[in-house]
Amino acid sequence: MLRRLALNDEESVTSVLTAGPATLPGFGLDPKTEALVRLGAMLSAGAATTSLRWTVELACAADEEMLVVLVAVAPAVGLVRVVAAAPGLALALGYETDEDER
């Protein structure tokens, strides 16, 4: 699969982008882990709060686990991204944010 993706095989790329790992034989993560990995990717990409909220709902995990994901991506994406993503994650988790506290 990796080789076909590296070669930009249209069928492989399409199957990965539309199906996700859970539906590909031998590539599944448990739903919670998949949602946490997806959350990490979305946080590092600067996803909107609406997208984060949907992913948080899929994860069905405690708030602390969501924070752990944000902290885990911090070394890779940097302080600026983490600080920018934190309010969106807080809103996605249902917390009120006060922009005046910054």
Protein backbone atom coordinates (compact mmCIF):
# COMPACT_ATOMS: atom_id res chain seq x y z
CA MET A 1 0.00 0.00 0.00
CA LEU A 2 2.77 2.46 0.91
CA ARG A 3 4.54 1.84 -2.39
CA ARG A 4 1.33 2.43 -4.35
CA LEU A 5 0.70 5.65 -2.41
CA ALA A 6 4.28 6.80 -3.06
CA LEU A 7 3.69 6.20 -6.76
CA ASN A 8 0.49 8.27 -6.53
CA ASP A 9 -1.59 5.31 -7.67
CA GLU A 10 -5.01 6.89 -8.18
CA GLU A 11 -6.99 3.90 -6.91
CA SER A 12 -4.91 3.62 -3.72
CA VAL A 13 -5.03 7.35 -3.02
CA THR A 14 -8.78 7.41 -3.55
CA SER A 15 -9.35 4.43 -1.27
CA VAL A 16 -7.29 5.98 1.53
CA LEU A 17 -8.88 9.41 1.27
CA THR A 18 -12.46 8.20 1.01
CA ALA A 19 -12.49 5.05 3.09
CA GLY A 20 -10.07 5.73 5.92
CA PRO A 21 -7.95 3.13 7.69
CA ALA A 22 -10.81 1.33 9.45
CA THR A 23 -12.18 -0.01 6.16
CA LEU A 24 -8.88 -1.06 4.62
CA PRO A 25 -7.90 -4.68 5.39
CA GLY A 26 -5.00 -4.86 7.83
CA PHE A 27 -4.83 -1.10 8.41
CA GLY A 28 -7.42 -0.54 11.11
CA LEU A 29 -6.97 1.30 14.36
CA ASP A 30 -9.55 1.09 17.06
CA PRO A 31 -12.07 3.93 16.63
CA LYS A 32 -10.85 5.91 19.66
CA THR A 33 -7.18 5.77 18.58
CA GLU A 34 -8.10 6.70 15.02
CA ALA A 35 -10.07 9.72 16.28
CA LEU A 36 -7.19 10.84 18.52
CA VAL A 37 -4.70 10.53 15.65
CA ARG A 38 -7.09 12.44 13.40
CA LEU A 39 -7.45 15.11 16.11
CA GLY A 40 -3.66 15.50 16.28
CA ALA A 41 -3.48 15.96 12.53
CA MET A 42 -6.32 18.46 12.55
CA LEU A 43 -4.77 20.46 15.39
CA SER A 44 -1.44 20.61 13.60
CA ALA A 45 -3.16 21.76 10.40
CA GLY A 46 -5.08 24.53 12.16
CA ALA A 47 -8.55 23.04 11.64
CA ALA A 48 -11.68 25.05 12.41
CA THR A 49 -13.53 24.55 15.69
CA THR A 50 -16.45 22.86 13.88
CA SER A 51 -14.13 20.20 12.47
CA LEU A 52 -12.45 19.76 15.84
CA ARG A 53 -15.83 19.37 17.56
CA TRP A 54 -16.83 16.59 15.15
CA THR A 55 -13.57 14.76 15.79
CA VAL A 56 -13.83 15.22 19.56
CA GLU A 57 -17.30 13.68 19.46
CA LEU A 58 -15.91 10.71 17.54
CA ALA A 59 -13.14 10.17 20.07
CA CYS A 60 -15.53 9.74 23.02
CA ALA A 61 -12.56 10.22 25.35
CA ALA A 62 -11.93 12.20 28.52
CA ASP A 63 -10.90 15.82 28.17
CA GLU A 64 -7.44 14.99 29.49
CA GLU A 65 -6.80 12.72 26.51
CA MET A 66 -7.66 15.53 24.12
CA LEU A 67 -5.20 17.79 25.93
CA VAL A 68 -2.57 15.05 25.72
CA VAL A 69 -3.00 15.04 21.93
CA LEU A 70 -2.45 18.81 21.80
CA VAL A 71 0.66 18.49 23.97
CA ALA A 72 1.91 15.54 21.89
CA VAL A 73 1.84 17.49 18.63
CA ALA A 74 3.45 20.56 20.21
CA PRO A 75 7.09 19.63 19.51
CA ALA A 76 6.26 18.93 15.87
CA VAL A 77 4.15 22.00 15.14
CA GLY A 78 5.56 24.59 17.52
CA LEU A 79 4.27 26.93 20.19
CA VAL A 80 2.49 29.29 17.83
CA ARG A 81 0.28 26.52 16.41
CA VAL A 82 -0.43 25.06 19.86
CA VAL A 83 -1.47 28.43 21.30
CA ALA A 84 -3.58 29.12 18.20
CA ALA A 85 -5.25 25.68 18.37
CA ALA A 86 -5.99 25.67 22.11
CA PRO A 87 -9.07 27.95 22.00
CA GLY A 88 -10.60 25.91 19.17
CA LEU A 89 -10.03 22.69 21.07
CA ALA A 90 -11.50 24.22 24.23
CA LEU A 91 -14.62 25.28 22.32
CA ALA A 92 -14.86 21.83 20.70
CA LEU A 93 -14.77 20.29 24.17
CA GLY A 94 -17.59 22.60 25.27
CA TYR A 95 -15.57 25.06 27.33
CA GLU A 96 -16.16 28.78 27.19
CA THR A 97 -13.12 30.82 26.21
CA ASP A 98 -12.45 34.39 27.14
CA GLU A 99 -10.35 36.12 24.53
CA ASP A 100 -9.64 38.92 27.04
CA GLU A 101 -7.52 36.56 29.18
CA ARG A 102 -4.78 36.52 26.56
